[in-house]
Amino acid sequence: MDTTDNEEALYAEFEKALSKDYQIDGRLGKGAYGQVFKAKCRKDGKTYAIKMLTANNDRYQTRELEALIKLNLLEESKRNFIEYFKAWFLEVGNVQKLCIQMELCWGDLKSFVFKNRQFGPQVTQAQDPQFYQHVFQQILNGLVVIHSIGWVHRDIHPGNILIVNSNPQRISDIHVKIGDFGLARCIGYKGIQFNVSCGKTLHPQLEQCTPAREGDSIYSAPELFTTTYDEKVDLYSAGAVLYFISRYPEENENKWITELKNLIQGKVDINESLVYKDDKKLCSLIKDLRRRNPNERPSASDAKKYMFPEAKDSTDGKKAQKIKFFARKENEDLRTCSLGEFTFSALKAEVERRTRVKASQLRQEDMINCEKMRIVIDDDEDVEKIFENAAQKAQEGRYVVVVVTEKAEEYNTETRQISSGDIMMQSPPDTV
């Protein structure tokens, strides 16, 4: 039996083993350590990604589950990391398998850059907002969170940056999350290393790390395969991702790997390869992230402050105030939501999280001139206007209500023209 036959037999066995609770709808991907399937749950009718690994008590499997569970408990991580639902053991063809049920995403960043239907490879040239800025800020947000709890991902590359929405029509619609925690680990501290010499600084002593097993190693920091490294390994890899999403568009995918190898060897003139050749901040940050000495690389938080000085980390001591609002699917009850970052992608992520719907359209439901109307929410400006005085009005019992639909519909053109700034707030029903 050849490899293809083996794979088909395994697919059939997995499909049979899960048939009671799930309907398998194809394989999403496979790697050296497992496969990922698209599966529709018979109980709730929703479609998920199920990762299947051979259960062997491997420390990497334990760490992957631990990372997913810990991150899933953090409110600020839900927008930045693939959502975890549950895990269980399953007998597949007399072999014990570990199944991990996760959020289903459209695809990965690499596939999106080369194959998206709306922009094509020219997506890296997109403006208002610029593609690299919109995407990389979300990646840095995720790295800030995971590093704040003492974990490192160790396998950051375009294939592990996942696109949540299926067919974004504008750059501002693109929502990315960090996925695949198969190589993630916690870097703990053994304590304080004392030196009795006068004037010496006390340093926290890291526990010794085992060299990482090889992931997508062309993106990996040089120190990752030693016993001494920290969260800066993720920043080195992030530098390659930033270069990838800001370089001049190239339709041939194979040329990218050659170009990346040349970048590692210092054979690429970064200034000349970027779409925005005059963007000094961009060029400087890529060079700093790609430094071989980890002590010379910025942290995720510092990189974010440098590139996006107006943005705030959700892990900072003083968190942004969160505004309570309500969301619901068509003809269903309201769900309580909260929003601390007033952008379209943040609103969409929170609504999707609470309603369990992959949104294609968001609208605000409100009373205007004694008539109930729905106002399309399209971009960051709409969100800012809607929530401009939301905290004050909430004290009066008037809340923002957002309705989400899974399929785009035709709406009254007059509704689209209504200014969000003129919208009155709505009181939720007594049943909520």
Protein backbone atom coordinates (compact mmCIF):
# COMPACT_ATOMS: atom_id res chain seq x y z
CA MET A 1 0.00 0.00 0.00
CA ASP A 2 1.53 3.35 -1.04
CA THR A 3 1.44 6.63 0.92
CA THR A 4 -1.71 7.83 -0.82
CA ASP A 5 -3.54 4.61 0.02
CA ASN A 6 -2.42 4.90 3.65
CA GLU A 7 -3.72 8.44 3.87
CA GLU A 8 -7.06 7.50 2.33
CA ALA A 9 -7.43 4.57 4.73
CA LEU A 10 -6.60 6.81 7.71
CA TYR A 11 -9.11 9.41 6.51
CA ALA A 12 -11.82 6.77 6.22
CA GLU A 13 -11.05 5.41 9.71
CA PHE A 14 -11.07 8.88 11.25
CA GLU A 15 -14.34 9.72 9.49
CA LYS A 16 -15.91 6.50 10.82
CA ALA A 17 -14.64 7.09 14.37
CA LEU A 18 -16.12 10.59 14.47
CA SER A 19 -19.30 9.86 12.50
CA LYS A 20 -21.53 9.77 15.59
CA ASP A 21 -20.83 13.40 16.55
CA TYR A 22 -19.28 15.00 13.46
CA GLN A 23 -19.56 15.05 9.71
CA ILE A 24 -16.05 15.26 8.17
CA ASP A 25 -15.78 17.64 5.23
CA GLY A 26 -12.22 17.23 4.05
CA ARG A 27 -8.64 17.58 5.24
CA LEU A 28 -7.41 21.12 5.91
CA GLY A 29 -3.74 20.28 6.24
CA LYS A 30 -1.14 17.84 7.50
CA GLY A 31 2.31 17.98 9.01
CA ALA A 32 4.96 15.75 10.50
CA TYR A 33 3.03 15.36 13.75
CA GLY A 34 -0.65 15.33 12.80
CA GLN A 35 -3.49 16.29 10.50
CA VAL A 36 -6.28 18.85 10.64
CA PHE A 37 -9.80 18.11 9.42
CA LYS A 38 -12.84 20.25 8.72
CA ALA A 39 -15.76 18.85 10.71
CA LYS A 40 -19.39 19.86 11.20
CA CYS A 41 -20.74 19.13 14.68
CA ARG A 42 -24.07 17.31 14.52
CA LYS A 43 -25.15 18.73 17.88
CA ASP A 44 -24.77 22.49 17.26
CA GLY A 45 -24.57 22.53 13.45
CA LYS A 46 -21.32 24.54 13.49
CA THR A 47 -18.15 23.73 11.59
CA TYR A 48 -14.80 23.41 13.38
CA ALA A 49 -11.20 22.44 12.75
CA ILE A 50 -10.20 19.19 14.49
CA LYS A 51 -6.52 18.49 14.87
CA MET A 52 -5.67 14.80 15.18
CA LEU A 53 -2.39 13.66 16.74
CA THR A 54 -1.13 10.22 17.72
CA ALA A 55 -1.52 10.19 21.52
CA ASN A 56 1.84 9.40 23.11
CA ASN A 57 2.05 11.66 26.19
CA ASP A 58 4.57 13.70 24.23
CA ARG A 59 5.57 16.87 26.10
CA TYR A 60 4.83 18.89 22.98
CA GLN A 61 1.22 17.69 22.97
CA THR A 62 0.90 18.52 26.66
CA ARG A 63 2.34 21.98 26.11
CA GLU A 64 0.10 22.64 23.11
CA LEU A 65 -3.03 21.86 25.13
CA GLU A 66 -1.78 23.83 28.12
CA ALA A 67 -1.05 26.88 25.95
CA LEU A 68 -4.46 26.73 24.25
CA ILE A 69 -6.32 26.38 27.55
CA LYS A 70 -4.38 29.15 29.30
CA LEU A 71 -4.79 31.57 26.42
CA ASN A 72 -8.47 30.74 26.07
CA LEU A 73 -8.99 31.86 29.67
CA LEU A 74 -7.58 35.32 28.96
CA GLU A 75 -10.14 37.84 27.73
CA GLU A 76 -7.53 39.87 25.83
CA SER A 77 -6.27 36.81 23.93
CA LYS A 78 -9.55 35.84 22.27
CA ARG A 79 -8.99 38.24 19.38
CA ASN A 80 -5.39 37.20 18.80
CA PHE A 81 -5.27 33.41 19.09
CA ILE A 82 -7.14 30.52 17.57
CA GLU A 83 -10.05 29.63 19.85
CA TYR A 84 -9.92 26.28 21.65
CA PHE A 85 -13.10 24.36 22.51
CA LYS A 86 -12.21 20.91 23.82
CA ALA A 87 -9.90 17.88 23.50
CA TRP A 88 -10.46 14.14 23.84
CA PHE A 89 -8.93 10.75 23.08
CA LEU A 90 -10.30 8.65 20.25
CA GLU A 91 -9.59 5.12 19.04
CA VAL A 92 -8.84 5.29 15.30
CA GLY A 93 -7.89 2.02 13.64
CA ASN A 94 -6.64 0.51 16.92
CA VAL A 95 -4.46 3.57 17.51
CA GLN A 96 -5.12 6.06 20.32
CA LYS A 97 -5.47 9.59 18.89
CA LEU A 98 -5.64 12.97 20.59
CA CYS A 99 -8.30 15.22 19.03
CA ILE A 100 -8.30 18.98 19.57
CA GLN A 101 -11.39 20.92 18.50
CA MET A 102 -10.64 24.52 17.51
CA GLU A 103 -12.06 27.48 15.68
CA LEU A 104 -12.20 27.09 11.91
CA CYS A 105 -10.36 29.77 9.95
CA TRP A 106 -10.35 30.49 6.22
CA GLY A 107 -6.68 29.82 5.68
CA ASP A 108 -3.22 31.15 6.48
CA LEU A 109 -1.42 34.40 5.72
CA LYS A 110 0.82 32.91 3.03
CA SER A 111 -2.13 31.47 1.10
CA PHE A 112 -4.04 34.70 1.52
CA VAL A 113 -1.27 36.88 0.09
CA PHE A 114 -0.94 34.74 -3.02
CA LYS A 115 -4.50 33.50 -3.54
CA ASN A 116 -7.03 35.98 -2.11
CA ARG A 117 -9.79 36.73 -4.61
CA GLN A 118 -10.26 40.40 -3.85
CA PHE A 119 -6.74 41.80 -4.27
CA GLY A 120 -4.37 39.05 -5.48
CA PRO A 121 -0.64 39.35 -4.59
CA GLN A 122 -1.02 43.12 -4.97
CA VAL A 123 -2.64 43.10 -1.53
CA THR A 124 0.74 44.18 -0.11
CA GLN A 125 0.30 47.47 -1.99
CA ALA A 126 -3.14 48.15 -0.55
CA GLN A 127 -3.75 51.50 1.17
CA ASP A 128 -6.08 52.97 3.76
CA PRO A 129 -5.08 51.17 5.86
CA GLN A 130 -1.82 49.76 4.60
CA PHE A 131 -1.93 45.96 4.55
CA TYR A 132 1.25 45.36 6.53
CA GLN A 133 0.26 47.80 9.28
CA HIS A 134 -3.21 46.33 9.74
CA VAL A 135 -1.94 42.73 9.88
CA PHE A 136 1.30 43.18 11.79
CA GLN A 137 -0.32 45.14 14.61
CA GLN A 138 -2.61 42.18 15.23
CA ILE A 139 0.38 39.80 15.26
CA LEU A 140 2.23 42.00 17.76
CA ASN A 141 -0.91 42.17 19.92
CA GLY A 142 -0.83 38.38 20.14
CA LEU A 143 2.88 38.19 20.91
CA VAL A 144 2.51 40.79 23.67
CA VAL A 145 -0.15 38.62 25.33
CA ILE A 146 1.59 35.24 25.06
CA HIS A 147 4.92 36.67 26.25
CA SER A 148 3.20 38.39 29.19
CA ILE A 149 2.27 34.96 30.63
CA GLY A 150 5.79 33.58 30.18
CA TRP A 151 5.20 31.53 27.03
CA VAL A 152 6.94 31.54 23.65
CA HIS A 153 5.40 30.26 20.42
CA ARG A 154 8.68 29.19 18.71
CA ASP A 155 7.07 28.63 15.30
CA ILE A 156 5.91 32.02 13.99
CA HIS A 157 5.68 32.08 10.19
CA PRO A 158 3.03 33.02 7.58
CA GLY A 159 1.58 29.49 7.63
CA ASN A 160 0.76 29.82 11.34
CA ILE A 161 -0.87 33.24 11.05
CA LEU A 162 -4.49 32.38 10.28
CA ILE A 163 -7.10 34.44 8.44
CA VAL A 164 -10.38 34.30 10.36
CA ASN A 165 -12.83 35.62 7.77
CA SER A 166 -13.39 33.86 4.46
CA ASN A 167 -13.48 36.65 1.90
CA PRO A 168 -12.65 40.10 3.28
CA GLN A 169 -13.69 42.84 0.89
CA ARG A 170 -11.45 45.52 2.41
CA ILE A 171 -8.15 45.59 4.24
CA SER A 172 -9.89 46.73 7.44
CA ASP A 173 -12.01 43.53 7.35
CA ILE A 174 -8.96 41.25 7.61
CA HIS A 175 -8.72 39.59 11.01
CA VAL A 176 -5.73 37.37 11.78
CA LYS A 177 -4.98 35.03 14.67
CA ILE A 178 -1.91 33.10 15.75
CA GLY A 179 -2.37 29.34 15.51
CA ASP A 180 -0.52 26.01 15.87
CA PHE A 181 0.97 25.79 19.36
CA GLY A 182 2.70 22.46 18.71
CA LEU A 183 6.12 23.93 19.54
CA ALA A 184 5.02 26.43 22.20
CA ARG A 185 6.48 26.23 25.69
CA CYS A 186 6.61 28.10 28.96
CA ILE A 187 9.95 29.60 29.88
CA GLY A 188 10.01 29.57 33.67
CA TYR A 189 12.32 31.19 36.18
CA LYS A 190 14.49 29.28 38.65
CA GLY A 191 14.95 32.30 40.88
CA ILE A 192 17.46 35.10 41.37
CA GLN A 193 21.12 34.57 40.57
CA PHE A 194 23.21 36.25 43.27
CA ASN A 195 26.68 37.65 42.85
CA VAL A 196 28.33 38.90 46.04
CA SER A 197 30.58 41.32 44.17
CA CYS A 198 29.66 44.91 44.94
CA GLY A 199 27.88 46.78 42.20
CA LYS A 200 26.68 43.69 40.34
CA THR A 201 23.05 43.65 39.18
CA LEU A 202 20.74 40.82 40.24
CA HIS A 203 19.37 38.89 37.28
CA PRO A 204 16.51 36.38 37.10
CA GLN A 205 17.87 32.97 36.14
CA LEU A 206 16.00 31.18 33.36
CA GLU A 207 15.55 27.45 33.56
CA GLN A 208 17.58 25.69 30.90
CA CYS A 209 15.68 25.20 27.65
CA THR A 210 15.92 22.15 25.48
CA PRO A 211 16.66 22.94 21.84
CA ALA A 212 13.46 23.18 19.82
CA ARG A 213 12.63 20.41 17.41
CA GLU A 214 12.56 21.70 13.89
CA GLY A 215 9.45 23.56 12.82
CA ASP A 216 9.53 25.83 9.77
CA SER A 217 13.22 26.39 10.55
CA ILE A 218 13.95 28.88 7.80
CA TYR A 219 12.02 31.42 9.90
CA SER A 220 13.62 30.38 13.19
CA ALA A 221 16.02 32.48 15.25
CA PRO A 222 19.58 31.10 15.29
CA GLU A 223 19.60 30.67 19.10
CA LEU A 224 16.41 28.57 19.09
CA PHE A 225 18.42 25.38 18.56
CA THR A 226 20.60 26.02 21.62
CA THR A 227 19.73 25.77 25.32
CA THR A 228 19.69 29.54 25.86
CA TYR A 229 16.86 31.58 24.41
CA ASP A 230 13.82 33.60 25.42
CA GLU A 231 10.75 35.27 23.86
CA LYS A 232 12.99 37.17 21.42
CA VAL A 233 13.00 34.06 19.19
CA ASP A 234 9.42 34.96 18.24
CA LEU A 235 10.46 38.50 17.31
CA TYR A 236 13.15 37.24 14.93
CA SER A 237 10.52 35.14 13.13
CA ALA A 238 8.04 38.03 13.20
CA GLY A 239 10.61 40.12 11.34
CA ALA A 240 10.48 37.69 8.42
CA VAL A 241 6.66 37.82 8.49
CA LEU A 242 6.74 41.63 8.44
CA TYR A 243 9.10 41.56 5.46
CA PHE A 244 6.82 39.07 3.69
CA ILE A 245 3.71 41.26 4.02
CA SER A 246 5.47 44.49 3.04
CA ARG A 247 7.66 43.35 0.13
CA TYR A 248 6.90 44.10 -3.48
CA PRO A 249 4.25 41.64 -4.74
CA GLU A 250 5.51 38.49 -6.42
CA GLU A 251 3.10 35.99 -7.97
CA ASN A 252 5.56 33.08 -7.92
CA GLU A 253 5.35 31.48 -4.45
CA ASN A 254 8.57 29.49 -4.94
CA LYS A 255 10.62 32.65 -5.32
CA TRP A 256 9.67 33.69 -1.79
CA ILE A 257 11.70 30.93 -0.09
CA THR A 258 14.77 31.80 -2.16
CA GLU A 259 14.30 35.46 -1.30
CA LEU A 260 13.97 34.64 2.41
CA LYS A 261 17.20 32.62 2.33
CA ASN A 262 18.93 35.59 0.69
CA LEU A 263 17.48 37.85 3.40
CA ILE A 264 19.00 35.61 6.10
CA GLN A 265 22.38 35.72 4.35
CA GLY A 266 22.25 39.50 4.05
CA LYS A 267 22.00 39.42 0.27
CA VAL A 268 18.74 41.39 0.10
CA ASP A 269 18.58 45.19 0.10
CA ILE A 270 15.53 45.58 2.31
CA ASN A 271 14.97 49.21 1.29
CA GLU A 272 14.72 48.29 -2.39
CA SER A 273 12.53 45.22 -1.86
CA LEU A 274 9.72 46.93 0.05
CA VAL A 275 6.59 48.42 -1.44
CA TYR A 276 7.02 51.50 0.78
CA LYS A 277 10.68 52.29 0.15
CA ASP A 278 10.43 55.63 1.95
CA ASP A 279 8.94 54.13 5.12
CA LYS A 280 11.97 54.46 7.40
CA LYS A 281 10.16 53.03 10.43
CA LEU A 282 9.23 49.89 8.53
CA CYS A 283 12.71 49.29 7.19
CA SER A 284 14.33 49.99 10.56
CA LEU A 285 11.98 47.64 12.43
CA ILE A 286 12.57 44.75 10.01
CA LYS A 287 16.34 45.14 10.44
CA ASP A 288 16.06 45.34 14.24
CA LEU A 289 13.80 42.28 14.46
CA ARG A 290 16.18 40.28 12.26
CA ARG A 291 19.32 40.96 14.32
CA ARG A 292 21.24 37.80 15.19
CA ASN A 293 21.93 39.01 18.71
CA PRO A 294 18.61 38.64 20.60
CA ASN A 295 19.61 41.38 23.05
CA GLU A 296 19.53 43.85 20.15
CA ARG A 297 15.98 42.90 19.11
CA PRO A 298 13.00 44.83 20.50
CA SER A 299 10.35 43.08 22.57
CA ALA A 300 6.87 42.69 21.10
CA SER A 301 5.64 45.55 23.27
CA ASP A 302 8.53 47.82 22.25
CA ALA A 303 8.05 46.98 18.57
CA LYS A 304 4.37 47.84 18.88
CA LYS A 305 5.09 51.15 20.61
CA TYR A 306 7.66 52.03 17.94
CA MET A 307 5.48 51.12 14.96
CA PHE A 308 2.09 52.05 16.41
CA PRO A 309 2.68 54.67 19.14
CA GLU A 310 -1.03 55.46 19.44
CA ALA A 311 -1.93 51.84 20.33
CA LYS A 312 -2.08 50.52 23.90
CA ASP A 313 -1.25 47.04 25.16
CA SER A 314 -4.13 45.23 26.80
CA THR A 315 -1.56 43.80 29.23
CA ASP A 316 -0.48 47.24 30.49
CA GLY A 317 -1.17 47.90 34.17
CA LYS A 318 -3.93 50.32 33.35
CA LYS A 319 -6.34 48.70 30.92
CA ALA A 320 -8.61 50.59 28.58
CA GLN A 321 -12.17 50.95 29.84
CA LYS A 322 -14.51 48.34 28.40
CA ILE A 323 -17.97 49.30 27.21
CA LYS A 324 -20.89 46.94 27.65
CA PHE A 325 -23.14 46.33 24.64
CA PHE A 326 -25.47 43.64 23.31
CA ALA A 327 -25.36 41.45 20.19
CA ARG A 328 -27.62 38.84 18.68
CA LYS A 329 -28.26 36.73 15.61
CA GLU A 330 -31.42 37.24 13.60
CA ASN A 331 -34.53 36.31 15.63
CA GLU A 332 -32.52 35.22 18.68
CA ASP A 333 -32.02 36.57 22.19
CA LEU A 334 -29.43 39.18 23.08
CA ARG A 335 -26.00 38.28 24.42
CA THR A 336 -23.95 40.55 26.66
CA CYS A 337 -20.67 41.73 25.12
CA SER A 338 -17.88 44.15 26.01
CA LEU A 339 -15.49 46.21 23.92
CA GLY A 340 -12.24 47.91 24.94
CA GLU A 341 -10.71 48.54 21.51
CA PHE A 342 -13.01 50.56 19.28
CA THR A 343 -12.15 49.20 15.86
CA PHE A 344 -14.24 47.30 13.34
CA SER A 345 -12.12 44.14 13.64
CA ALA A 346 -12.38 44.22 17.45
CA LEU A 347 -16.16 44.66 17.36
CA LYS A 348 -16.56 41.90 14.80
CA ALA A 349 -14.38 39.51 16.81
CA GLU A 350 -16.34 40.10 20.03
CA VAL A 351 -19.71 39.69 18.29
CA GLU A 352 -18.55 36.48 16.60
CA ARG A 353 -17.19 35.14 19.87
CA ARG A 354 -20.43 35.71 21.77
CA THR A 355 -22.89 34.70 19.04
CA ARG A 356 -20.80 31.88 17.52
CA VAL A 357 -21.46 33.26 14.05
CA LYS A 358 -18.97 33.94 11.26
CA ALA A 359 -20.20 37.42 10.45
CA SER A 360 -20.50 38.80 6.96
CA GLN A 361 -22.56 41.81 8.02
CA LEU A 362 -22.89 43.85 11.22
CA ARG A 363 -25.68 46.37 11.76
CA GLN A 364 -26.72 48.50 14.68
CA GLU A 365 -30.36 48.22 15.65
CA ASP A 366 -31.89 51.45 16.92
CA MET A 367 -34.92 53.74 17.02
CA ILE A 368 -34.71 56.71 14.65
CA ASN A 369 -37.66 59.09 14.43
CA CYS A 370 -39.80 56.55 16.28
CA GLU A 371 -38.99 53.88 13.70
CA LYS A 372 -36.82 50.82 14.31
CA MET A 373 -33.97 50.77 11.80
CA ARG A 374 -30.72 48.95 11.21
CA ILE A 375 -27.58 50.88 10.33
CA VAL A 376 -24.74 49.14 8.52
CA ILE A 377 -21.43 49.08 10.41
CA ASP A 378 -18.66 49.14 7.85
CA ASP A 379 -15.41 50.45 9.29
CA ASP A 380 -13.49 51.86 12.24
CA GLU A 381 -15.13 55.27 11.84
CA ASP A 382 -18.60 53.76 12.23
CA VAL A 383 -17.53 51.93 15.39
CA GLU A 384 -15.95 55.02 16.92
CA LYS A 385 -19.09 57.07 16.32
CA ILE A 386 -21.39 54.38 17.68
CA PHE A 387 -19.42 54.01 20.92
CA GLU A 388 -18.46 57.68 21.28
CA ASN A 389 -20.85 58.36 24.18
CA ALA A 390 -21.84 54.76 24.87
CA ALA A 391 -20.49 54.61 28.44
CA GLN A 392 -22.42 57.68 29.54
CA LYS A 393 -25.63 56.59 27.83
CA ALA A 394 -25.33 53.07 29.26
CA GLN A 395 -25.71 54.59 32.72
CA GLU A 396 -29.14 55.73 31.54
CA GLY A 397 -30.03 52.22 30.41
CA ARG A 398 -29.46 52.85 26.70
CA TYR A 399 -27.12 50.33 25.11
CA VAL A 400 -25.64 49.66 21.69
CA VAL A 401 -27.31 46.63 20.07
CA VAL A 402 -25.59 44.90 17.16
CA VAL A 403 -27.30 42.39 14.87
CA VAL A 404 -25.11 39.90 13.02
CA THR A 405 -25.98 37.94 9.88
CA GLU A 406 -24.08 35.06 8.29
CA LYS A 407 -24.94 35.98 4.73
CA ALA A 408 -24.85 39.43 3.17
CA GLU A 409 -28.27 40.84 2.42
CA GLU A 410 -29.61 43.71 0.36
CA TYR A 411 -30.35 46.68 2.59
CA ASN A 412 -32.24 49.90 2.11
CA THR A 413 -29.79 52.44 0.65
CA GLU A 414 -31.24 55.09 2.96
CA THR A 415 -30.08 53.04 5.91
CA ARG A 416 -26.49 53.12 4.64
CA GLN A 417 -26.55 56.91 4.45
CA ILE A 418 -27.57 57.53 8.05
CA SER A 419 -24.83 59.09 10.14
CA SER A 420 -23.74 56.93 13.06
CA GLY A 421 -23.22 60.07 15.10
CA ASP A 422 -26.97 60.79 15.05
CA ILE A 423 -28.01 57.38 16.33
CA MET A 424 -29.93 57.14 19.61
CA MET A 425 -29.10 54.34 22.00
CA GLN A 426 -31.51 51.50 22.68
CA SER A 427 -32.62 49.93 25.96
CA PRO A 428 -32.40 46.12 26.03
CA PRO A 429 -35.60 44.16 26.72
CA ASP A 430 -36.42 43.21 30.31
CA THR A 431 -35.72 39.54 29.56
CA VAL A 432 -31.96 40.11 29.28
